[in-house]
C-alpha cells in the first residue's frame, strides 16, 4: 500500500475534538448530581447562617472558601470521601492564609502611597500556587474540579485581608467552612453507607444496557459511539468507586453485578465494527477496553513519574506559570487594579491540560461566562440581599456550580464569577458596580488572550514529546510484564496474582498514553497520524494482555509467544 494512503487511513481514525456546538452549548448527562449539589450548598449555608445570626457580619461568609472542599468529595464512597474532603479543606485553609498574608501588606502599602507594581508579588504567589496545584492534580489524575478552587481561594484571600480582618481570621473562617464540609459530606453514611457505590454500579449497568440496545437496534454509528463511550466512562467510574470503597476482590453483590456488566461490555465491543474502535481499543480517556480498569498506583509512583519535562503535568504547569505571570504583570503595567482576576482567567483556560482545541473552547466559555456572570451579579447587587438572604444566594450559587461544573463549563463560569466577587466583597474589596463590571471584563479579556497565546505558542511540539515519552513508558512496563509471565512458565507453581502491581502500572500507563494520543491528535493530526500505528498496536497488545490476566484465563506458551512477537513488531523496544 502506498505510504500516503496508509497515513491517510490512520488519520481518518484519529480521535477528533467534539463539535464546538456540543461543547459550548451541550449538557451531557452525568448522572444524578442533585444530592451533591444539596450537600455543597449546605456546606456553606449552615456555618454562614449560624455566624450571621450570631452577629459576625459579612466576614462570616468567608466560610464559603472552606465549603469548596465539599466539591472534592462528590462521587467518592464514604470510606475515602472524608479523607479527600479533609485534605482539600486543609489545603484551602493553608492557601487562604498564604493569600491573605501576601495580599494584606501589599494592598496596605499601596493604600499608603507605594507603587502599584507591588501587586506583582500577589501575581507571583498565585502563579506558583496554581502551577503547583495543577501539576499535582494532573500527576495524580484527580479529575474535576482540579486546581481551580485552590487558586480561587488564594485570590479571594489576597484581596479581602485587612488590618481589621487579618490573615489568621481569614484562615479561621475558611477552616470553619472546611470542617463543616467534612461533616456535611459524610452525613449520608448514617443511613446508606454504600449508597455511592450502589449508585455508581447502577449507572454503569444502565449505560451498558443502552449501548447494547443501540447495537441491537442498528442505531446510527454516531449514536452507538456516544453510547459506547458513555458506558465505558460509567464502568470506569464504578470500578474506581468500588476500589475506593475497598469491596473489589470480595464476594460482594455490587462487585458481582459490575463484573457481569463488564462482561456484557466486552462482548458488545467484540461485535462493534466502528473504525474508531478498531483503530485503538483504548481510544479515549473513557478507557474503551474489554477489561476493567485497575486501581491507580501509589501516590509516590504517580507523582514521581510526572517529574519529567515531557509529562503532561509538567507541560501544563509550565504554560500556567508563564501565562499567569504574563497576564498579571501586563494588567499591573496597564494600571488596572485587579491583576489577580486576569490570573484567574488565564488559569481557567489552561489548568485542565494542554489540549489546544479544548483550551480554546474553555477560553470562549470563560469570556462568555464572565460577561453573563457579571450581568447576574448586577441583578444581585440591584436586589442588595443582606444577612440570611445573602447566605441563601451564595448557597444557590454553590449548588449550581456543582450541578454544571462537569456538564457545561460556561454555565459554571457564570455562577463562579458571581460567587467569587460576592465572597471577595465580604472584605469590602470592591468599588462601584460599574467600575467592578468594566474592570472584571477587561481583566478577563487580558487573561484569556494571554492564555490562548501561550497555549498555541509555548511548547508547540510538547504533545509530540509527551506521546513518545508515555508510549515508551507503557512499552517498558509491558516488556517487564511479559518477562515475568515467561518466568512463571518455568516456575514449579504458577501464581498469576503476583503480577498485580505490573498489571496496575501498565493499565495506568496505557490510560496516560490514551490521553496523550488524544492531545496529539487534536493539536497536530498530521504528525499524530504518522505515530498512530505504533500507538494503537501498543494499546491492542496491552489490552489483550490485561484482558486475559483480569479474567483469570491461563496464559499458554502460544499466547505468550504471540504477544512477544507482536511486541517486537510494534517497535516498542
Protein backbone atom coordinates (compact mmCIF):
# COMPACT_ATOMS: atom_id res chain seq x y z
CA UNK A 1 0.00 0.00 0.00
CA UNK A 2 1.21 3.49 -0.75
CA UNK A 3 2.61 5.25 2.38
CA UNK A 4 0.44 8.29 1.78
CA UNK A 5 -2.66 6.09 1.67
CA UNK A 6 -1.60 4.38 4.91
CA UNK A 7 -1.10 7.73 6.58
CA UNK A 8 -4.47 8.96 5.37
CA UNK A 9 -6.12 5.81 6.67
CA UNK A 10 -4.67 6.30 10.11
CA UNK A 11 -5.57 9.99 10.11
CA UNK A 12 -9.20 9.17 9.33
CA UNK A 13 -9.33 7.13 12.54
CA UNK A 14 -7.73 9.77 14.74
CA UNK A 15 -9.85 10.99 17.66
CA UNK A 16 -11.47 14.23 16.62
CA UNK A 17 -12.48 17.02 19.00
CA UNK A 18 -16.12 17.19 19.93
CA UNK A 19 -18.02 19.67 17.77
CA UNK A 20 -17.81 23.21 19.11
CA UNK A 21 -21.56 23.49 19.38
CA UNK A 22 -21.88 20.45 21.66
CA UNK A 23 -19.01 21.59 23.89
CA UNK A 24 -20.09 25.21 24.15
CA UNK A 25 -23.83 24.68 24.48
CA UNK A 26 -24.36 20.99 25.25
CA UNK A 27 -25.49 19.49 28.56
CA UNK A 28 -24.31 15.87 28.51
CA UNK A 29 -25.89 13.52 31.04
CA UNK A 30 -23.63 12.85 34.04
CA UNK A 31 -25.97 11.08 36.43
CA UNK A 32 -27.88 12.46 39.41
CA UNK A 33 -25.91 15.39 40.84
CA UNK A 34 -28.72 16.88 42.92
CA UNK A 35 -27.73 15.22 46.23
CA UNK A 36 -24.19 16.52 45.78
CA UNK A 37 -25.49 19.99 44.98
CA UNK A 38 -27.53 19.99 48.18
CA UNK A 39 -24.50 18.90 50.21
CA UNK A 40 -22.31 21.61 48.69
CA UNK A 41 -24.95 24.25 49.38
CA UNK A 42 -25.35 23.13 52.99
CA UNK A 43 -21.59 23.11 53.49
CA UNK A 44 -21.72 26.88 53.02
CA UNK A 45 -25.22 27.69 54.29
CA UNK A 46 -25.08 26.05 57.74
CA UNK A 47 -21.98 27.78 59.19
CA UNK A 48 -22.65 31.05 57.33
CA UNK A 49 -26.23 31.22 58.65
CA UNK A 50 -25.15 30.45 62.22
CA UNK A 51 -22.35 33.04 62.10
CA UNK A 52 -24.70 35.63 60.59
CA UNK A 53 -27.30 35.05 63.31
CA UNK A 54 -24.56 35.39 65.94
CA UNK A 55 -23.74 38.83 64.56
CA UNK A 56 -20.38 38.23 62.89
CA UNK A 57 -21.46 40.15 59.79
CA UNK A 58 -20.36 39.69 56.18
CA UNK A 59 -16.92 38.41 57.17
CA UNK A 60 -18.55 35.14 58.21
CA UNK A 61 -19.37 34.50 54.55
CA UNK A 62 -15.74 33.53 54.13
CA UNK A 63 -16.72 30.06 55.32
CA UNK A 64 -17.58 29.67 51.64
CA UNK A 65 -13.85 29.33 50.93
CA UNK A 66 -13.71 26.23 53.09
CA UNK A 67 -17.01 24.97 51.73
CA UNK A 68 -15.30 24.48 48.36
CA UNK A 69 -13.75 21.36 49.94
CA UNK A 70 -17.07 19.51 49.68
CA UNK A 71 -16.86 19.63 45.88
CA UNK A 72 -13.71 17.49 46.02
CA UNK A 73 -15.55 14.64 47.74
CA UNK A 74 -18.50 14.21 45.42
CA UNK A 75 -18.63 10.82 43.69
CA UNK A 76 -16.34 9.19 46.24
CA UNK A 77 -17.54 6.46 48.60
CA UNK A 78 -17.73 7.42 52.25
CA UNK A 79 -14.73 5.22 53.07
CA UNK A 80 -12.44 7.64 51.19
CA UNK A 81 -14.62 10.76 50.98
CA UNK A 82 -13.72 12.08 54.43
CA UNK A 83 -10.05 11.93 53.52
CA UNK A 84 -10.48 13.75 50.18
CA UNK A 85 -12.63 16.50 51.68
CA UNK A 86 -10.35 16.78 54.72
CA UNK A 87 -7.22 17.15 52.59
CA UNK A 88 -8.97 19.74 50.40
CA UNK A 89 -10.16 21.66 53.48
CA UNK A 90 -6.65 21.70 54.91
CA UNK A 91 -5.16 22.89 51.62
CA UNK A 92 -7.82 25.61 51.28
CA UNK A 93 -7.15 26.83 54.82
CA UNK A 94 -3.39 26.99 54.26
CA UNK A 95 -3.81 28.76 50.93
CA UNK A 96 -6.26 31.27 52.39
CA UNK A 97 -3.64 32.17 54.99
CA UNK A 98 -0.89 32.43 52.35
CA UNK A 99 -3.03 34.58 50.06
CA UNK A 100 -4.10 36.87 52.88
CA UNK A 101 -0.55 37.12 54.28
CA UNK A 102 0.74 38.31 50.89
CA UNK A 103 -2.22 40.44 49.88
CA UNK A 104 -2.78 42.35 53.12
CA UNK A 105 0.64 44.08 53.37
CA UNK A 106 0.75 44.71 49.61
CA UNK A 107 -2.66 46.40 49.49
CA UNK A 108 -1.94 48.30 52.70
CA UNK A 109 1.36 49.60 51.30
CA UNK A 110 -0.31 50.69 48.06
CA UNK A 111 -3.05 52.47 50.04
CA UNK A 112 -0.27 54.34 51.88
CA UNK A 113 1.29 55.53 48.62
CA UNK A 114 3.57 52.68 47.49
CA UNK A 115 3.72 51.94 43.72
CA UNK A 116 1.12 49.52 42.36
CA UNK A 117 3.92 47.42 40.90
CA UNK A 118 3.93 45.68 44.29
CA UNK A 119 0.89 43.77 43.05
CA UNK A 120 3.33 41.63 41.07
CA UNK A 121 4.09 39.84 44.36
CA UNK A 122 0.45 38.76 44.55
CA UNK A 123 0.61 37.63 40.93
CA UNK A 124 3.77 35.62 41.63
CA UNK A 125 2.21 33.78 44.58
CA UNK A 126 -0.91 32.98 42.57
CA UNK A 127 1.16 31.69 39.65
CA UNK A 128 3.19 29.44 41.96
CA UNK A 129 0.04 28.15 43.68
CA UNK A 130 -1.87 27.29 40.52
CA UNK A 131 1.15 25.75 38.78
CA UNK A 132 1.99 23.58 41.78
CA UNK A 133 -1.60 22.53 42.36
CA UNK A 134 -2.27 21.85 38.67
CA UNK A 135 0.89 19.74 38.44
CA UNK A 136 -0.20 17.70 41.45
CA UNK A 137 -3.79 17.26 40.24
CA UNK A 138 -2.65 16.18 36.76
CA UNK A 139 0.12 13.93 38.07
CA UNK A 140 -2.26 12.11 40.43
CA UNK A 141 -5.14 12.25 37.88
CA UNK A 142 -7.57 13.54 40.47
CA UNK A 143 -10.00 14.88 37.88
CA UNK A 144 -12.53 17.70 38.34
CA UNK A 145 -12.64 20.24 39.87
CA UNK A 146 -8.87 20.28 39.55
CA UNK A 147 -6.75 23.12 40.89
CA UNK A 148 -9.13 25.97 40.18
CA UNK A 149 -10.85 26.34 43.58
CA UNK A 150 -7.48 26.22 45.31
CA UNK A 151 -6.37 29.19 43.21
CA UNK A 152 -9.71 30.96 43.67
CA UNK A 153 -9.34 30.72 47.45
CA UNK A 154 -5.84 32.18 47.26
CA UNK A 155 -7.10 35.01 45.04
CA UNK A 156 -10.10 35.93 47.19
CA UNK A 157 -8.00 35.81 50.35
CA UNK A 158 -5.39 38.11 48.83
CA UNK A 159 -7.93 40.92 48.31
CA UNK A 160 -10.09 40.67 51.44
CA UNK A 161 -7.45 40.65 54.18
CA UNK A 162 -7.20 43.99 56.01
CA UNK A 163 -5.74 45.13 59.36
CA UNK A 164 -9.27 44.73 60.73
CA UNK A 165 -9.57 41.26 59.18
CA UNK A 166 -6.05 39.79 59.38
CA UNK A 167 -4.80 36.60 57.68
CA UNK A 168 -5.38 34.48 60.78
CA UNK A 169 -9.05 35.47 60.84
CA UNK A 170 -9.47 34.72 57.12
CA UNK A 171 -7.91 31.29 57.64
CA UNK A 172 -10.11 30.69 60.69
CA UNK A 173 -13.32 31.26 58.74
CA UNK A 174 -12.02 29.07 55.93
CA UNK A 175 -11.23 26.29 58.41
CA UNK A 176 -14.73 26.50 59.89
CA UNK A 177 -16.21 26.09 56.43
CA UNK A 178 -13.86 23.19 55.73
CA UNK A 179 -14.75 21.35 58.94
CA UNK A 180 -18.44 21.75 58.20
CA UNK A 181 -17.82 20.50 54.65
CA UNK A 182 -16.36 17.27 56.03
CA UNK A 183 -19.33 16.77 58.37
CA UNK A 184 -21.99 17.52 55.74
CA UNK A 185 -20.25 15.37 53.12
CA UNK A 186 -20.26 12.37 55.47
CA UNK A 187 -23.81 12.57 56.87
CA UNK A 188 -25.18 10.06 54.35
CA UNK A 189 -23.10 7.27 55.86
CA UNK A 190 -25.54 7.18 58.78
CA UNK A 191 -28.44 5.77 56.73
CA UNK A 192 -26.90 4.48 53.47
CA UNK A 193 -23.21 3.58 53.90
CA UNK A 194 -22.95 2.03 50.42
CA UNK A 195 -25.23 4.44 48.57
CA UNK A 196 -22.42 5.95 46.49
CA UNK A 197 -21.14 2.57 45.31
CA UNK A 198 -24.66 1.34 44.57
CA UNK A 199 -25.47 4.45 42.54
CA UNK A 200 -22.23 4.14 40.54
CA UNK A 201 -22.87 0.48 39.71
CA UNK A 202 -26.48 1.14 38.71
CA UNK A 203 -25.36 3.96 36.42
CA UNK A 204 -22.81 1.66 34.77
CA UNK A 205 -25.30 -1.18 34.30
CA UNK A 206 -27.84 1.19 32.73
CA UNK A 207 -25.22 2.72 30.42
CA UNK A 208 -24.06 -0.71 29.21
CA UNK A 209 -27.67 -1.72 28.57
CA UNK A 210 -28.22 1.43 26.50
CA UNK A 211 -25.09 0.63 24.45
CA UNK A 212 -26.12 -2.97 23.76
CA UNK A 213 -29.67 -1.86 22.92
CA UNK A 214 -28.29 0.67 20.43
CA UNK A 215 -26.23 -2.10 18.81
CA UNK A 216 -29.20 -4.45 18.62
CA UNK A 217 -31.37 -1.76 17.07
CA UNK A 218 -28.69 -0.88 14.47
CA UNK A 219 -28.68 2.70 15.68
CA UNK A 220 -26.73 5.33 13.70
CA UNK A 221 -22.93 4.94 14.21
CA UNK A 222 -22.64 8.31 15.96
CA UNK A 223 -25.32 7.38 18.50
CA UNK A 224 -23.81 3.95 19.12
CA UNK A 225 -20.39 5.52 19.56
CA UNK A 226 -21.74 8.01 22.10
CA UNK A 227 -23.46 5.20 23.99
CA UNK A 228 -20.23 3.16 23.98
CA UNK A 229 -18.17 5.99 25.38
CA UNK A 230 -20.83 6.76 28.00
CA UNK A 231 -20.90 3.09 29.05
CA UNK A 232 -17.11 2.93 29.24
CA UNK A 233 -16.97 6.09 31.33
CA UNK A 234 -19.66 4.85 33.72
CA UNK A 235 -17.86 1.49 34.05
CA UNK A 236 -14.56 3.20 34.76
CA UNK A 237 -16.16 5.44 37.41
CA UNK A 238 -17.94 2.49 39.01
CA UNK A 239 -14.80 0.37 39.24
CA UNK A 240 -12.81 3.21 40.77
CA UNK A 241 -15.65 3.80 43.22
CA UNK A 242 -15.60 0.14 44.29
CA UNK A 243 -11.82 0.22 44.61
CA UNK A 244 -12.03 3.26 46.87
CA UNK A 245 -14.79 1.54 48.80
CA UNK A 246 -12.50 -1.50 49.29
CA UNK A 247 -15.01 -4.09 48.07
CA UNK A 248 -13.29 -5.26 44.87
CA UNK A 249 -11.90 -8.73 45.38
CA UNK A 250 -14.56 -9.56 47.92
CA UNK A 251 -17.66 -11.61 47.25
CA UNK A 252 -19.85 -8.52 47.33
CA UNK A 253 -23.12 -8.29 45.33
CA UNK A 254 -22.10 -4.94 43.82
CA UNK A 255 -18.80 -6.37 42.60
CA UNK A 256 -20.55 -9.36 41.01
CA UNK A 257 -23.10 -7.08 39.35
CA UNK A 258 -20.39 -4.84 37.92
CA UNK A 259 -18.41 -7.84 36.68
CA UNK A 260 -21.48 -9.03 34.77
CA UNK A 261 -21.84 -5.59 33.23
CA UNK A 262 -18.16 -5.61 32.29
CA UNK A 263 -18.53 -8.98 30.54
CA UNK A 264 -21.55 -7.66 28.63
CA UNK A 265 -19.45 -4.64 27.65
CA UNK A 266 -16.61 -6.89 26.45
CA UNK A 267 -18.99 -8.93 24.29
CA UNK A 268 -20.57 -5.79 22.85
CA UNK A 269 -17.16 -4.33 21.99
CA UNK A 270 -16.16 -7.55 20.21
CA UNK A 271 -19.24 -7.14 17.98
CA UNK A 272 -18.67 -3.43 17.41
CA UNK A 273 -17.26 -2.67 13.95
CA UNK A 274 -16.73 1.03 14.47
CA UNK A 275 -13.48 2.05 12.65
CA UNK A 276 -12.64 4.26 15.60
CA UNK A 277 -12.65 1.26 17.94
CA UNK A 278 -10.62 -0.90 15.58
CA UNK A 279 -8.02 1.85 15.44
CA UNK A 280 -7.45 1.98 19.18
CA UNK A 281 -9.11 -0.13 21.88
CA UNK A 282 -8.15 2.47 24.47
CA UNK A 283 -9.33 5.23 22.18
CA UNK A 284 -10.41 7.74 24.75
CA UNK A 285 -9.78 8.73 28.33
CA UNK A 286 -13.08 6.89 28.90
CA UNK A 287 -10.94 3.73 28.56
CA UNK A 288 -12.96 1.87 25.96
CA UNK A 289 -11.50 -1.57 26.58
CA UNK A 290 -12.84 -5.02 27.23
CA UNK A 291 -11.06 -5.39 30.57
CA UNK A 292 -11.97 -3.35 33.65
CA UNK A 293 -9.65 -0.59 34.79
CA UNK A 294 -7.31 -1.40 37.64
CA UNK A 295 -6.77 0.75 40.74
CA UNK A 296 -4.34 3.64 40.44
CA UNK A 297 -0.71 3.12 41.52
CA UNK A 298 0.59 4.70 44.70
CA UNK A 299 0.73 8.48 45.08
CA UNK A 300 4.53 8.26 45.09
CA UNK A 301 4.58 6.38 41.77
CA UNK A 302 2.18 8.81 40.10
CA UNK A 303 3.90 11.94 41.36
CA UNK A 304 7.47 10.88 40.60
CA UNK A 305 6.63 9.68 37.07
CA UNK A 306 5.23 13.14 36.30
CA UNK A 307 8.50 14.82 37.33
CA UNK A 308 9.70 14.73 33.75
CA UNK A 309 9.77 17.68 31.31
CA UNK A 310 7.81 15.63 28.78
CA UNK A 311 4.94 14.71 31.12
CA UNK A 312 1.51 16.17 30.61
CA UNK A 313 1.61 17.60 34.15
CA UNK A 314 4.92 19.39 33.51
CA UNK A 315 3.72 20.92 30.25
CA UNK A 316 0.53 22.14 31.92
CA UNK A 317 2.43 23.64 34.87
CA UNK A 318 4.93 25.40 32.62
CA UNK A 319 2.25 27.04 30.50
CA UNK A 320 0.32 28.07 33.58
CA UNK A 321 3.39 29.70 35.13
CA UNK A 322 4.15 31.72 32.01
CA UNK A 323 0.55 32.71 31.25
CA UNK A 324 -0.38 33.68 34.81
CA UNK A 325 2.74 35.76 35.33
CA UNK A 326 2.38 37.43 31.94
CA UNK A 327 -1.35 38.18 32.32
CA UNK A 328 -0.97 39.52 35.86
CA UNK A 329 2.11 41.61 35.10
CA UNK A 330 0.54 43.07 31.95
CA UNK A 331 -2.52 44.08 33.96
CA UNK A 332 -0.30 45.82 36.53
CA UNK A 333 1.63 47.67 33.81
CA UNK A 334 -1.64 48.83 32.27
CA UNK A 335 -2.67 50.29 35.62
CA UNK A 336 -5.68 48.04 36.13
CA UNK A 337 -6.39 47.49 39.81
CA UNK A 338 -7.03 43.73 39.93
CA UNK A 339 -4.31 41.63 38.24
CA UNK A 340 -5.48 38.65 40.28
CA UNK A 341 -8.62 38.44 38.15
CA UNK A 342 -6.52 38.25 34.97
CA UNK A 343 -4.55 35.41 36.56
CA UNK A 344 -7.81 33.61 37.37
CA UNK A 345 -8.96 33.96 33.76
CA UNK A 346 -5.69 32.60 32.38
CA UNK A 347 -5.72 29.69 34.82
CA UNK A 348 -9.28 28.68 33.89
CA UNK A 349 -8.20 28.26 30.27
CA UNK A 350 -5.04 26.26 30.96
CA UNK A 351 -5.34 24.32 34.21
CA UNK A 352 -7.10 21.27 32.76
CA UNK A 353 -4.42 20.26 30.30
CA UNK A 354 -2.54 21.02 27.10
CA UNK A 355 -5.24 20.29 24.51
CA UNK A 356 -5.34 23.42 22.34
CA UNK A 357 -8.80 22.83 20.90
CA UNK A 358 -10.45 22.21 24.25
CA UNK A 359 -8.40 25.04 25.77
CA UNK A 360 -9.78 27.39 23.13
CA UNK A 361 -13.31 26.24 23.97
CA UNK A 362 -12.59 26.99 27.63
CA UNK A 363 -11.41 30.47 26.66
CA UNK A 364 -14.71 31.12 24.93
CA UNK A 365 -16.55 29.74 27.93
CA UNK A 366 -14.53 31.97 30.23
CA UNK A 367 -15.27 35.19 28.34
CA UNK A 368 -18.93 34.43 27.72
CA UNK A 369 -19.43 33.07 31.24
CA UNK A 370 -17.79 36.11 32.81
CA UNK A 371 -19.97 38.54 30.87
CA UNK A 372 -23.15 36.70 31.82
CA UNK A 373 -21.87 36.23 35.37
CA UNK A 374 -21.36 39.98 35.72
CA UNK A 375 -24.88 40.58 34.45
CA UNK A 376 -26.13 38.13 37.09
CA UNK A 377 -24.02 39.94 39.66
CA UNK A 378 -25.54 43.27 38.64
CA UNK A 379 -29.01 41.82 39.20
CA UNK A 380 -27.96 40.56 42.65
CA UNK A 381 -26.49 43.95 43.53
CA UNK A 382 -29.70 45.64 42.37
CA UNK A 383 -31.61 43.38 44.78
CA UNK A 384 -28.97 44.04 47.50
CA UNK A 385 -29.65 40.98 49.68
CA UNK A 386 -28.17 41.01 53.16
CA UNK A 387 -27.99 38.67 56.12
CA UNK A 388 -29.63 35.30 55.61
CA UNK A 389 -30.84 36.27 52.14
CA UNK A 390 -27.25 36.77 51.03
CA UNK A 391 -26.33 33.42 52.57
CA UNK A 392 -29.14 31.83 50.57
CA UNK A 393 -27.91 33.43 47.33
CA UNK A 394 -24.38 32.12 47.90
CA UNK A 395 -25.71 28.64 48.71
CA UNK A 396 -27.74 28.57 45.49
CA UNK A 397 -24.67 29.63 43.50
CA UNK A 398 -22.63 26.86 45.14
CA UNK A 399 -25.28 24.28 44.30
CA UNK A 400 -25.40 25.46 40.70
CA UNK A 401 -21.62 25.19 40.35
CA UNK A 402 -21.74 21.57 41.50
CA UNK A 403 -24.58 20.82 39.06
CA UNK A 404 -22.88 22.26 35.98
CA UNK A 405 -19.13 22.06 36.64
CA UNK A 406 -18.68 18.84 34.64
CA UNK A 407 -21.66 19.33 32.32
CA UNK A 408 -21.08 22.78 30.85
CA UNK A 409 -18.06 24.83 31.84
CA UNK A 410 -19.59 28.05 30.56
CA UNK A 411 -22.64 27.84 32.82
CA UNK A 412 -20.38 27.02 35.77
CA UNK A 413 -18.27 30.11 34.99
CA UNK A 414 -21.38 32.31 35.17
CA UNK A 415 -22.02 31.13 38.71
CA UNK A 416 -18.35 31.08 39.74
CA UNK A 417 -17.94 34.71 38.63
CA UNK A 418 -20.85 35.91 40.75
CA UNK A 419 -19.85 33.78 43.74
CA UNK A 420 -16.19 34.82 43.70
CA UNK A 421 -16.98 38.54 43.57
CA UNK A 422 -19.63 38.28 46.29
CA UNK A 423 -17.20 36.43 48.57
CA UNK A 424 -14.50 38.97 47.79
CA UNK A 425 -16.90 41.78 48.63
CA UNK A 426 -17.16 40.34 52.15
CA UNK A 427 -13.95 42.26 52.87
CA UNK A 428 -15.15 45.45 51.21
CA UNK A 429 -12.77 44.87 48.33
CA UNK A 430 -14.80 46.44 45.53
CA UNK A 431 -15.79 49.94 44.46
CA UNK A 432 -18.83 50.88 42.41
CA UNK A 433 -20.72 48.23 40.49
CA UNK A 434 -19.98 49.96 37.17
CA UNK A 435 -16.24 50.04 37.85
CA UNK A 436 -16.32 46.43 39.03
CA UNK A 437 -18.07 45.13 35.93
CA UNK A 438 -15.93 47.05 33.43
CA UNK A 439 -12.63 46.20 35.11
CA UNK A 440 -13.51 42.50 35.52
CA UNK A 441 -14.42 42.30 31.82
CA UNK A 442 -11.15 43.91 30.78
CA UNK A 443 -9.07 41.77 33.14
CA UNK A 444 -10.82 38.63 31.90
CA UNK A 445 -10.14 39.54 28.28
CA UNK A 446 -6.45 40.10 29.04
CA UNK A 447 -6.15 36.80 30.91
CA UNK A 448 -7.90 34.75 28.23
CA UNK A 449 -5.97 36.31 25.34
CA UNK A 450 -2.63 35.78 27.07
CA UNK A 451 -3.59 32.18 27.94
CA UNK A 452 -4.55 31.39 24.35
CA UNK A 453 -1.33 32.90 23.03
CA UNK A 454 0.67 30.77 25.46
CA UNK A 455 -1.41 27.69 24.66
CA UNK A 456 -0.70 27.99 20.93
CA UNK A 457 2.93 29.14 21.08
CA UNK A 458 4.71 27.82 24.19
CA UNK A 459 5.87 24.24 23.75
CA UNK A 460 4.36 23.84 20.31
CA UNK A 461 5.87 20.38 19.98
CA UNK A 462 5.24 19.32 23.59
CA UNK A 463 2.44 16.95 22.58
CA UNK A 464 4.96 15.05 20.45
CA UNK A 465 7.38 14.59 23.32
CA UNK A 466 4.58 13.61 25.68
CA UNK A 467 3.12 10.93 23.41
CA UNK A 468 6.52 9.41 22.61
CA UNK A 469 7.55 9.51 26.28
CA UNK A 470 4.40 7.93 27.67
CA UNK A 471 4.26 5.25 24.94
CA UNK A 472 7.84 4.34 25.81
CA UNK A 473 6.84 4.06 29.48
CA UNK A 474 3.89 1.83 28.60
CA UNK A 475 6.12 -0.30 26.37
CA UNK A 476 8.69 -0.66 29.13
CA UNK A 477 6.11 -1.82 31.68
CA UNK A 478 4.61 -4.21 29.12
CA UNK A 479 8.06 -5.72 28.47
CA UNK A 480 8.55 -6.28 32.22
CA UNK A 481 5.13 -7.91 32.46
CA UNK A 482 5.83 -10.27 29.54
CA UNK A 483 9.18 -11.13 31.07
CA UNK A 484 7.53 -12.02 34.37
CA UNK A 485 4.90 -14.12 32.59
CA UNK A 486 7.64 -16.08 30.79
CA UNK A 487 9.50 -16.61 34.08
CA UNK A 488 6.35 -18.13 35.61
CA UNK A 489 6.17 -20.73 32.86
CA UNK A 490 9.38 -22.16 34.26
CA UNK A 491 8.26 -21.98 37.90
CA UNK A 492 7.01 -25.17 39.61
CA UNK A 493 3.87 -23.38 40.83
CA UNK A 494 2.38 -20.52 38.84
CA UNK A 495 0.82 -17.62 40.79
CA UNK A 496 -0.58 -15.09 38.32
CA UNK A 497 -1.87 -12.86 41.14
CA UNK A 498 1.70 -11.80 41.87
CA UNK A 499 1.61 -9.79 38.64
CA UNK A 500 -0.95 -7.37 40.07
CA UNK A 501 1.50 -4.48 40.53
CA UNK A 502 2.80 -4.63 36.95
CA UNK A 503 -0.76 -5.03 35.62
CA UNK A 504 -1.80 -1.96 37.60
CA UNK A 505 1.14 0.10 36.31
CA UNK A 506 0.52 -0.99 32.72
CA UNK A 507 -3.15 -0.06 32.93
CA UNK A 508 -2.21 3.35 34.35
CA UNK A 509 0.39 3.99 31.64
CA UNK A 510 -1.98 2.94 28.87
CA UNK A 511 -4.58 5.39 30.14
CA UNK A 512 -1.91 8.11 30.17
CA UNK A 513 -0.95 7.12 26.64
CA UNK A 514 -4.58 7.35 25.55
CA UNK A 515 -4.83 10.91 26.90
CA UNK A 516 -1.54 11.87 25.25
CA UNK A 517 -2.76 10.39 21.98
CA UNK A 518 -5.92 12.49 22.12
CA UNK A 519 -3.91 15.65 22.83
CA UNK A 520 -1.56 14.92 19.91
CA UNK A 521 -4.41 14.10 17.54
CA UNK A 522 -6.23 17.31 18.44
CA UNK A 523 -3.13 19.52 18.37
CA UNK A 524 -1.37 18.14 15.29
CA UNK A 525 -3.33 15.44 13.44
CA UNK A 526 -0.82 15.22 10.58
CA UNK A 527 2.02 14.25 12.90
CA UNK A 528 -0.20 12.03 15.07
CA UNK A 529 -1.28 10.02 12.01
CA UNK A 530 2.35 9.04 11.47
CA UNK A 531 2.59 7.68 15.03
CA UNK A 532 -0.83 6.10 15.18
CA UNK A 533 0.08 2.60 14.01
CA UNK A 534 2.72 2.14 16.71
CA UNK A 535 0.50 3.82 19.28
CA UNK A 536 -2.55 1.67 18.56
CA UNK A 537 -0.61 -1.61 18.26
CA UNK A 538 0.81 -0.98 21.71
CA UNK A 539 -2.73 -0.47 23.04
CA UNK A 540 -4.06 -3.55 21.27
CA UNK A 541 -1.35 -5.70 22.77
CA UNK A 542 -1.54 -4.17 26.24
CA UNK A 543 -5.34 -4.51 26.30
CA UNK A 544 -5.15 -8.16 25.20
CA UNK A 545 -2.69 -8.97 27.98
CA UNK A 546 -4.68 -7.16 30.66
CA UNK A 547 -7.93 -8.69 29.43
CA UNK A 548 -6.64 -12.27 29.67
CA UNK A 549 -4.97 -11.74 33.04
CA UNK A 550 -8.02 -9.98 34.52
CA UNK A 551 -10.46 -12.76 33.70
CA UNK A 552 -8.08 -15.37 35.09
CA UNK A 553 -7.51 -17.17 31.81
CA UNK A 554 -4.41 -19.35 31.74
CA UNK A 555 -1.61 -17.85 29.63
CA UNK A 556 -0.39 -20.59 27.32
CA UNK A 557 3.04 -20.72 25.71
CA UNK A 558 1.48 -19.97 22.33
CA UNK A 559 -0.23 -16.85 23.69
CA UNK A 560 2.98 -15.65 25.28
CA UNK A 561 4.98 -16.21 22.09
CA UNK A 562 2.34 -14.37 20.08
CA UNK A 563 2.47 -11.42 22.50
CA UNK A 564 6.26 -11.30 22.40
CA UNK A 565 6.21 -11.37 18.61
CA UNK A 566 3.68 -8.56 18.45
CA UNK A 567 5.72 -6.57 20.94
CA UNK A 568 8.81 -6.83 18.75
CA UNK A 569 6.83 -5.89 15.62
CA UNK A 570 5.24 -2.89 17.33
CA UNK A 571 8.58 -1.12 17.57
CA UNK A 572 8.20 -0.61 21.34
CA UNK A 573 11.71 -1.86 22.05
